[in-house]
Amino acid sequence: MVLDLKIGDVVRMKKAHPCGNHLWKVTRLGADIGLTCQKCQRRLLLARSYLRRRVQKVIPGGQG
């Protein structure tokens, strides 16, 4: 699966964050992808290869 991400996209992860949320907003692109939790606003950086295995769905532009 090739991730075609843009800043502002929302990704749904397979496993929930400890706060109970599955949705993360893309805030940085590169070798590492910056994500912000939509519920608790926690920020983190994940390697692109690590993220690719854990993403369930990409929601373009955060719609839906």
C-alpha atoms as a PDB file:
ATOM      1  CA  MET A   1       0.000   0.000   0.000  1.00  0.00           C
ATOM      2  CA  VAL A   2       1.475   3.321  -1.084  1.00  0.00           C
ATOM      3  CA  LEU A   3       0.519   6.243   1.134  1.00  0.00           C
ATOM      4  CA  ASP A   4      -0.369   9.320  -0.881  1.00  0.00           C
ATOM      5  CA  LEU A   5      -0.640  11.829   1.956  1.00  0.00           C
ATOM      6  CA  LYS A   6      -1.007  15.594   1.992  1.00  0.00           C
ATOM      7  CA  ILE A   7      -0.888  18.001   4.913  1.00  0.00           C
ATOM      8  CA  GLY A   8      -4.376  18.290   6.358  1.00  0.00           C
ATOM      9  CA  ASP A   9      -5.436  14.718   5.516  1.00  0.00           C
ATOM     10  CA  VAL A  10      -6.869  12.619   8.340  1.00  0.00           C
ATOM     11  CA  VAL A  11      -5.799   9.011   8.824  1.00  0.00           C
ATOM     12  CA  ARG A  12      -7.725   6.337  10.702  1.00  0.00           C
ATOM     13  CA  MET A  13      -5.409   3.980  12.574  1.00  0.00           C
ATOM     14  CA  LYS A  14      -6.077   0.277  13.209  1.00  0.00           C
ATOM     15  CA  LYS A  15      -5.495   0.653  16.960  1.00  0.00           C
ATOM     16  CA  ALA A  16      -6.866   3.431  19.138  1.00  0.00           C
ATOM     17  CA  HIS A  17      -4.734   5.998  20.953  1.00  0.00           C
ATOM     18  CA  PRO A  18      -4.907   5.682  24.776  1.00  0.00           C
ATOM     19  CA  CYS A  19      -7.396   8.596  24.781  1.00  0.00           C
ATOM     20  CA  GLY A  20      -9.758   6.376  22.747  1.00  0.00           C
ATOM     21  CA  ASN A  21      -9.477   8.147  19.379  1.00  0.00           C
ATOM     22  CA  HIS A  22      -8.586   6.521  16.029  1.00  0.00           C
ATOM     23  CA  LEU A  23      -8.281   9.715  13.930  1.00  0.00           C
ATOM     24  CA  TRP A  24      -5.027  11.623  13.380  1.00  0.00           C
ATOM     25  CA  LYS A  25      -4.385  14.735  11.268  1.00  0.00           C
ATOM     26  CA  VAL A  26      -1.244  14.875   9.082  1.00  0.00           C
ATOM     27  CA  THR A  27       0.837  17.926  10.030  1.00  0.00           C
ATOM     28  CA  ARG A  28       4.272  17.152   8.536  1.00  0.00           C
ATOM     29  CA  LEU A  29       5.544  15.159   5.544  1.00  0.00           C
ATOM     30  CA  GLY A  30       8.934  13.689   4.791  1.00  0.00           C
ATOM     31  CA  ALA A  31      10.732  10.509   5.818  1.00  0.00           C
ATOM     32  CA  ASP A  32       8.895  10.953   9.127  1.00  0.00           C
ATOM     33  CA  ILE A  33       5.196  11.819   9.156  1.00  0.00           C
ATOM     34  CA  GLY A  34       3.947  14.271  11.785  1.00  0.00           C
ATOM     35  CA  LEU A  35       0.532  13.464  13.239  1.00  0.00           C
ATOM     36  CA  THR A  36      -1.790  15.203  15.721  1.00  0.00           C
ATOM     37  CA  CYS A  37      -4.498  13.335  17.613  1.00  0.00           C
ATOM     38  CA  GLN A  38      -7.926  14.805  16.822  1.00  0.00           C
ATOM     39  CA  LYS A  39      -9.188  14.327  20.401  1.00  0.00           C
ATOM     40  CA  CYS A  40      -6.333  15.136  22.829  1.00  0.00           C
ATOM     41  CA  GLN A  41      -4.049  17.122  20.432  1.00  0.00           C
ATOM     42  CA  ARG A  42      -1.038  14.901  21.207  1.00  0.00           C
ATOM     43  CA  ARG A  43       1.696  15.232  18.546  1.00  0.00           C
ATOM     44  CA  LEU A  44       4.049  12.526  17.332  1.00  0.00           C
ATOM     45  CA  LEU A  45       6.393  11.629  14.498  1.00  0.00           C
ATOM     46  CA  LEU A  46       6.235   8.201  12.862  1.00  0.00           C
ATOM     47  CA  ALA A  47       8.475   6.751  10.188  1.00  0.00           C
ATOM     48  CA  ARG A  48       6.653   6.456   6.855  1.00  0.00           C
ATOM     49  CA  SER A  49       7.245   2.673   6.751  1.00  0.00           C
ATOM     50  CA  TYR A  50       5.862   2.254  10.298  1.00  0.00           C
ATOM     51  CA  LEU A  51       2.798   4.382   9.544  1.00  0.00           C
ATOM     52  CA  ARG A  52       2.023   2.506   6.308  1.00  0.00           C
ATOM     53  CA  ARG A  53       1.493  -0.741   8.269  1.00  0.00           C
ATOM     54  CA  ARG A  54      -0.796   0.875  10.852  1.00  0.00           C
ATOM     55  CA  VAL A  55      -3.125   3.012   8.726  1.00  0.00           C
ATOM     56  CA  GLN A  56      -6.590   1.631   8.067  1.00  0.00           C
ATOM     57  CA  LYS A  57      -7.969   4.477   5.937  1.00  0.00           C
ATOM     58  CA  VAL A  58      -6.940   7.893   4.589  1.00  0.00           C
ATOM     59  CA  ILE A  59      -9.600  10.625   4.573  1.00  0.00           C
ATOM     60  CA  PRO A  60      -8.515  13.360   2.089  1.00  0.00           C
ATOM     61  CA  GLY A  61      -8.618  16.882   3.503  1.00  0.00           C
ATOM     62  CA  GLY A  62     -10.258  15.657   6.708  1.00  0.00           C
ATOM     63  CA  GLN A  63     -13.709  15.345   5.127  1.00  0.00           C
ATOM     64  CA  GLY A  64     -16.240  12.844   6.410  1.00  0.00           C
END
